[in-house]
Amino acid sequence: DEDEERRMYYDTKEILAAYGYERYEISNY
């Protein structure tokens, strides 16, 4: 559902940033 999908979206940003990946484009790190 929409809430679960949004949680995945925010988890992607937070987890990848914590591992040192820069988000340089909407879907690319």
All heavy atoms as atom14 arrays in JSON, in Angstrom:
{
  "sequence": "DEDEERRMYYDTKEILAAYGYERYEISNY",
  "atom14_mask": [
    [1, 1, 1, 1, 1, 1, 1, 1, 0, 0, 0, 0, 0, 0],
    [1, 1, 1, 1, 1, 1, 1, 1, 1, 0, 0, 0, 0, 0],
    [1, 1, 1, 1, 1, 1, 1, 1, 0, 0, 0, 0, 0, 0],
    [1, 1, 1, 1, 1, 1, 1, 1, 1, 0, 0, 0, 0, 0],
    [1, 1, 1, 1, 1, 1, 1, 1, 1, 0, 0, 0, 0, 0],
    [1, 1, 1, 1, 1, 1, 1, 1, 1, 1, 1, 0, 0, 0],
    [1, 1, 1, 1, 1, 1, 1, 1, 1, 1, 1, 0, 0, 0],
    [1, 1, 1, 1, 1, 1, 1, 1, 0, 0, 0, 0, 0, 0],
    [1, 1, 1, 1, 1, 1, 1, 1, 1, 1, 1, 1, 0, 0],
    [1, 1, 1, 1, 1, 1, 1, 1, 1, 1, 1, 1, 0, 0],
    [1, 1, 1, 1, 1, 1, 1, 1, 0, 0, 0, 0, 0, 0],
    [1, 1, 1, 1, 1, 1, 1, 0, 0, 0, 0, 0, 0, 0],
    [1, 1, 1, 1, 1, 1, 1, 1, 1, 0, 0, 0, 0, 0],
    [1, 1, 1, 1, 1, 1, 1, 1, 1, 0, 0, 0, 0, 0],
    [1, 1, 1, 1, 1, 1, 1, 1, 0, 0, 0, 0, 0, 0],
    [1, 1, 1, 1, 1, 1, 1, 1, 0, 0, 0, 0, 0, 0],
    [1, 1, 1, 1, 1, 0, 0, 0, 0, 0, 0, 0, 0, 0],
    [1, 1, 1, 1, 1, 0, 0, 0, 0, 0, 0, 0, 0, 0],
    [1, 1, 1, 1, 1, 1, 1, 1, 1, 1, 1, 1, 0, 0],
    [1, 1, 1, 1, 0, 0, 0, 0, 0, 0, 0, 0, 0, 0],
    [1, 1, 1, 1, 1, 1, 1, 1, 1, 1, 1, 1, 0, 0],
    [1, 1, 1, 1, 1, 1, 1, 1, 1, 0, 0, 0, 0, 0],
    [1, 1, 1, 1, 1, 1, 1, 1, 1, 1, 1, 0, 0, 0],
    [1, 1, 1, 1, 1, 1, 1, 1, 1, 1, 1, 1, 0, 0],
    [1, 1, 1, 1, 1, 1, 1, 1, 1, 0, 0, 0, 0, 0],
    [1, 1, 1, 1, 1, 1, 1, 1, 0, 0, 0, 0, 0, 0],
    [1, 1, 1, 1, 1, 1, 0, 0, 0, 0, 0, 0, 0, 0],
    [1, 1, 1, 1, 1, 1, 1, 1, 0, 0, 0, 0, 0, 0],
    [1, 1, 1, 1, 1, 1, 1, 1, 1, 1, 1, 1, 0, 0]
  ],
  "atom14_positions": [
    [[0.84, -1.2, 0.0], [0.0, 0.0, 0.0], [0.88, 1.25, 0.0], [2.11, 1.18, 0.08], [-0.97, -0.01, 1.17], [-0.29, 0.02, 2.54], [0.84, 0.55, 2.64], [-0.88, -0.5, 3.5], [0.0, 0.0, 0.0], [0.0, 0.0, 0.0], [0.0, 0.0, 0.0], [0.0, 0.0, 0.0], [0.0, 0.0, 0.0], [0.0, 0.0, 0.0]],
    [[0.23, 2.4, -0.1], [0.96, 3.66, -0.25], [1.9, 3.92, 0.92], [3.04, 4.37, 0.73], [-0.04, 4.81, -0.4], [0.6, 6.13, -0.76], [-0.43, 7.21, -1.03], [-1.57, 6.88, -1.4], [-0.07, 8.4, -0.88], [0.0, 0.0, 0.0], [0.0, 0.0, 0.0], [0.0, 0.0, 0.0], [0.0, 0.0, 0.0], [0.0, 0.0, 0.0]],
    [[1.44, 3.64, 2.14], [2.29, 3.88, 3.31], [3.52, 2.98, 3.31], [4.62, 3.43, 3.64], [1.49, 3.66, 4.6], [0.44, 4.74, 4.82], [0.57, 5.83, 4.21], [-0.51, 4.51, 5.59], [0.0, 0.0, 0.0], [0.0, 0.0, 0.0], [0.0, 0.0, 0.0], [0.0, 0.0, 0.0], [0.0, 0.0, 0.0], [0.0, 0.0, 0.0]],
    [[3.32, 1.71, 2.93], [4.45, 0.77, 2.9], [5.45, 1.17, 1.81], [6.67, 1.13, 2.03], [3.93, -0.65, 2.66], [4.94, -1.75, 2.92], [5.07, -2.09, 4.39], [4.47, -1.39, 5.23], [5.79, -3.04, 4.7], [0.0, 0.0, 0.0], [0.0, 0.0, 0.0], [0.0, 0.0, 0.0], [0.0, 0.0, 0.0], [0.0, 0.0, 0.0]],
    [[4.93, 1.58, 0.68], [5.82, 2.01, -0.41], [6.61, 3.24, -0.01], [7.8, 3.36, -0.3], [5.01, 2.28, -1.68], [5.88, 2.62, -2.88], [5.09, 2.72, -4.18], [3.88, 2.43, -4.17], [5.7, 3.09, -5.2], [0.0, 0.0, 0.0], [0.0, 0.0, 0.0], [0.0, 0.0, 0.0], [0.0, 0.0, 0.0], [0.0, 0.0, 0.0]],
    [[5.95, 4.17, 0.68], [6.64, 5.39, 1.12], [7.72, 5.06, 2.15], [8.79, 5.66, 2.16], [5.63, 6.38, 1.7], [6.22, 7.74, 2.06], [5.13, 8.77, 2.2], [4.51, 9.03, 0.91], [4.97, 9.92, 0.04], [6.07, 10.6, 0.31], [4.36, 10.12, -1.1], [0.0, 0.0, 0.0], [0.0, 0.0, 0.0], [0.0, 0.0, 0.0]],
    [[7.45, 4.07, 3.01], [8.44, 3.65, 3.99], [9.69, 3.11, 3.27], [10.82, 3.38, 3.66], [7.84, 2.58, 4.91], [8.75, 2.07, 6.01], [9.01, 3.14, 7.05], [10.26, 3.84, 6.81], [10.59, 5.0, 7.34], [9.74, 5.63, 8.13], [11.74, 5.57, 7.1], [0.0, 0.0, 0.0], [0.0, 0.0, 0.0], [0.0, 0.0, 0.0]],
    [[9.46, 2.33, 2.22], [10.59, 1.8, 1.45], [11.39, 2.93, 0.83], [12.63, 2.91, 0.8], [10.08, 0.86, 0.34], [9.4, -0.39, 0.83], [8.84, -1.41, -0.58], [7.59, -2.42, 0.22], [0.0, 0.0, 0.0], [0.0, 0.0, 0.0], [0.0, 0.0, 0.0], [0.0, 0.0, 0.0], [0.0, 0.0, 0.0], [0.0, 0.0, 0.0]],
    [[10.7, 3.92, 0.32], [11.34, 5.07, -0.32], [12.26, 5.79, 0.66], [13.42, 6.08, 0.35], [10.25, 6.0, -0.85], [10.73, 7.34, -1.35], [11.31, 7.46, -2.61], [10.57, 8.48, -0.57], [11.75, 8.7, -3.07], [10.99, 9.72, -1.03], [11.58, 9.82, -2.28], [12.01, 11.05, -2.73], [0.0, 0.0, 0.0], [0.0, 0.0, 0.0]],
    [[11.76, 6.07, 1.85], [12.57, 6.77, 2.84], [13.68, 5.89, 3.39], [14.79, 6.37, 3.67], [11.69, 7.32, 3.96], [10.88, 8.52, 3.54], [9.5, 8.49, 3.47], [11.52, 9.71, 3.16], [8.76, 9.59, 3.05], [10.8, 10.82, 2.74], [9.42, 10.75, 2.69], [8.71, 11.84, 2.26], [0.0, 0.0, 0.0], [0.0, 0.0, 0.0]],
    [[13.42, 4.61, 3.54], [14.46, 3.69, 3.99], [15.62, 3.66, 3.0], [16.79, 3.58, 3.39], [13.91, 2.28, 4.17], [13.09, 2.12, 5.43], [13.15, 3.01, 6.3], [12.38, 1.1, 5.55], [0.0, 0.0, 0.0], [0.0, 0.0, 0.0], [0.0, 0.0, 0.0], [0.0, 0.0, 0.0], [0.0, 0.0, 0.0], [0.0, 0.0, 0.0]],
    [[15.31, 3.72, 1.7], [16.36, 3.71, 0.68], [17.31, 4.88, 0.89], [18.53, 4.72, 0.93], [15.74, 3.78, -0.73], [14.81, 2.72, -0.9], [16.82, 3.68, -1.8], [0.0, 0.0, 0.0], [0.0, 0.0, 0.0], [0.0, 0.0, 0.0], [0.0, 0.0, 0.0], [0.0, 0.0, 0.0], [0.0, 0.0, 0.0], [0.0, 0.0, 0.0]],
    [[16.75, 6.07, 1.03], [17.58, 7.27, 1.23], [18.43, 7.15, 2.48], [19.64, 7.42, 2.47], [16.69, 8.51, 1.33], [15.99, 8.91, 0.05], [15.45, 10.32, 0.16], [14.49, 10.49, 1.33], [13.97, 11.87, 1.43], [0.0, 0.0, 0.0], [0.0, 0.0, 0.0], [0.0, 0.0, 0.0], [0.0, 0.0, 0.0], [0.0, 0.0, 0.0]],
    [[17.78, 6.77, 3.59], [18.46, 6.77, 4.89], [19.55, 5.71, 4.96], [20.67, 5.96, 5.42], [17.44, 6.57, 6.0], [16.47, 7.74, 6.15], [15.29, 7.41, 7.06], [15.31, 6.33, 7.69], [14.37, 8.23, 7.13], [0.0, 0.0, 0.0], [0.0, 0.0, 0.0], [0.0, 0.0, 0.0], [0.0, 0.0, 0.0], [0.0, 0.0, 0.0]],
    [[19.23, 4.5, 4.49], [20.19, 3.39, 4.6], [21.38, 3.61, 3.66], [22.55, 3.44, 4.07], [19.5, 2.05, 4.32], [18.48, 1.74, 5.42], [20.52, 0.92, 4.22], [17.58, 0.54, 5.15], [0.0, 0.0, 0.0], [0.0, 0.0, 0.0], [0.0, 0.0, 0.0], [0.0, 0.0, 0.0], [0.0, 0.0, 0.0], [0.0, 0.0, 0.0]],
    [[21.12, 4.01, 2.43], [22.23, 4.21, 1.5], [23.12, 5.37, 1.94], [24.35, 5.3, 1.8], [21.71, 4.43, 0.09], [21.04, 3.21, -0.57], [20.64, 3.53, -2.0], [21.95, 2.01, -0.56], [0.0, 0.0, 0.0], [0.0, 0.0, 0.0], [0.0, 0.0, 0.0], [0.0, 0.0, 0.0], [0.0, 0.0, 0.0], [0.0, 0.0, 0.0]],
    [[22.52, 6.43, 2.48], [23.32, 7.54, 2.99], [24.21, 7.09, 4.14], [25.38, 7.47, 4.24], [22.41, 8.68, 3.43], [0.0, 0.0, 0.0], [0.0, 0.0, 0.0], [0.0, 0.0, 0.0], [0.0, 0.0, 0.0], [0.0, 0.0, 0.0], [0.0, 0.0, 0.0], [0.0, 0.0, 0.0], [0.0, 0.0, 0.0], [0.0, 0.0, 0.0]],
    [[23.66, 6.24, 5.01], [24.43, 5.74, 6.16], [25.63, 4.91, 5.71], [26.65, 4.85, 6.42], [23.52, 4.92, 7.08], [0.0, 0.0, 0.0], [0.0, 0.0, 0.0], [0.0, 0.0, 0.0], [0.0, 0.0, 0.0], [0.0, 0.0, 0.0], [0.0, 0.0, 0.0], [0.0, 0.0, 0.0], [0.0, 0.0, 0.0], [0.0, 0.0, 0.0]],
    [[25.52, 4.3, 4.55], [26.62, 3.48, 4.02], [27.55, 4.27, 3.1], [28.43, 3.7, 2.46], [26.07, 2.27, 3.26], [25.71, 1.09, 4.14], [24.52, 1.07, 4.85], [26.57, 0.0, 4.25], [24.17, -0.02, 5.65], [26.24, -1.09, 5.05], [25.04, -1.09, 5.75], [24.72, -2.17, 6.54], [0.0, 0.0, 0.0], [0.0, 0.0, 0.0]],
    [[27.34, 5.58, 3.0], [28.26, 6.42, 2.24], [27.94, 6.58, 0.77], [28.81, 6.98, -0.01], [0.0, 0.0, 0.0], [0.0, 0.0, 0.0], [0.0, 0.0, 0.0], [0.0, 0.0, 0.0], [0.0, 0.0, 0.0], [0.0, 0.0, 0.0], [0.0, 0.0, 0.0], [0.0, 0.0, 0.0], [0.0, 0.0, 0.0], [0.0, 0.0, 0.0]],
    [[26.7, 6.31, 0.39], [26.3, 6.49, -1.01], [25.6, 7.84, -1.17], [24.65, 8.15, -0.44], [25.35, 5.38, -1.46], [26.03, 4.04, -1.6], [26.29, 3.25, -0.49], [26.42, 3.57, -2.86], [26.92, 2.02, -0.61], [27.05, 2.34, -2.99], [27.3, 1.57, -1.87], [27.94, 0.36, -1.99], [0.0, 0.0, 0.0], [0.0, 0.0, 0.0]],
    [[26.08, 8.63, -2.12], [25.48, 9.93, -2.4], [24.35, 9.78, -3.39], [24.51, 9.14, -4.43], [26.52, 10.9, -2.96], [25.94, 12.26, -3.32], [26.91, 13.12, -4.11], [28.04, 12.66, -4.39], [26.54, 14.26, -4.45], [0.0, 0.0, 0.0], [0.0, 0.0, 0.0], [0.0, 0.0, 0.0], [0.0, 0.0, 0.0], [0.0, 0.0, 0.0]],
    [[23.22, 10.35, -3.06], [22.11, 10.38, -4.0], [22.33, 11.54, -4.95], [22.2, 12.7, -4.58], [20.79, 10.54, -3.25], [19.57, 10.43, -4.15], [18.32, 10.77, -3.38], [17.12, 10.31, -4.05], [15.88, 10.56, -3.65], [15.71, 11.27, -2.54], [14.85, 10.1, -4.3], [0.0, 0.0, 0.0], [0.0, 0.0, 0.0], [0.0, 0.0, 0.0]],
    [[22.68, 11.24, -6.2], [22.98, 12.32, -7.14], [21.87, 12.52, -8.17], [21.88, 13.49, -8.92], [24.32, 12.07, -7.85], [24.35, 10.9, -8.8], [24.16, 11.09, -10.17], [24.58, 9.6, -8.34], [24.19, 10.02, -11.05], [24.62, 8.53, -9.22], [24.43, 8.75, -10.57], [24.46, 7.68, -11.44], [0.0, 0.0, 0.0], [0.0, 0.0, 0.0]],
    [[20.92, 11.59, -8.2], [19.76, 11.67, -9.1], [18.61, 10.97, -8.4], [18.83, 10.2, -7.45], [20.11, 11.02, -10.44], [19.07, 11.2, -11.54], [18.03, 10.07, -11.57], [18.26, 9.03, -10.93], [16.99, 10.26, -12.23], [0.0, 0.0, 0.0], [0.0, 0.0, 0.0], [0.0, 0.0, 0.0], [0.0, 0.0, 0.0], [0.0, 0.0, 0.0]],
    [[17.39, 11.21, -8.81], [16.23, 10.74, -8.07], [16.32, 9.27, -7.69], [16.0, 8.88, -6.57], [14.94, 11.02, -8.87], [14.64, 12.54, -8.85], [13.76, 10.25, -8.31], [13.44, 12.94, -9.66], [0.0, 0.0, 0.0], [0.0, 0.0, 0.0], [0.0, 0.0, 0.0], [0.0, 0.0, 0.0], [0.0, 0.0, 0.0], [0.0, 0.0, 0.0]],
    [[16.79, 8.42, -8.6], [16.8, 6.97, -8.34], [18.2, 6.37, -8.32], [18.34, 5.15, -8.33], [15.96, 6.25, -9.4], [14.63, 6.7, -9.41], [0.0, 0.0, 0.0], [0.0, 0.0, 0.0], [0.0, 0.0, 0.0], [0.0, 0.0, 0.0], [0.0, 0.0, 0.0], [0.0, 0.0, 0.0], [0.0, 0.0, 0.0], [0.0, 0.0, 0.0]],
    [[19.24, 7.21, -8.28], [20.6, 6.7, -8.39], [21.51, 7.19, -7.27], [21.51, 8.38, -6.92], [21.19, 7.1, -9.74], [20.61, 6.28, -10.88], [21.07, 5.18, -11.15], [19.58, 6.81, -11.53], [0.0, 0.0, 0.0], [0.0, 0.0, 0.0], [0.0, 0.0, 0.0], [0.0, 0.0, 0.0], [0.0, 0.0, 0.0], [0.0, 0.0, 0.0]],
    [[22.31, 6.25, -6.76], [23.18, 6.48, -5.62], [24.57, 5.95, -5.94], [24.7, 4.88, -6.55], [22.65, 5.76, -4.38], [21.24, 6.14, -3.99], [20.13, 5.64, -4.69], [20.99, 6.99, -2.91], [18.84, 5.98, -4.33], [19.7, 7.33, -2.54], [18.63, 6.83, -3.25], [17.35, 7.16, -2.9], [0.0, 0.0, 0.0], [0.0, 0.0, 0.0]]
  ]
}
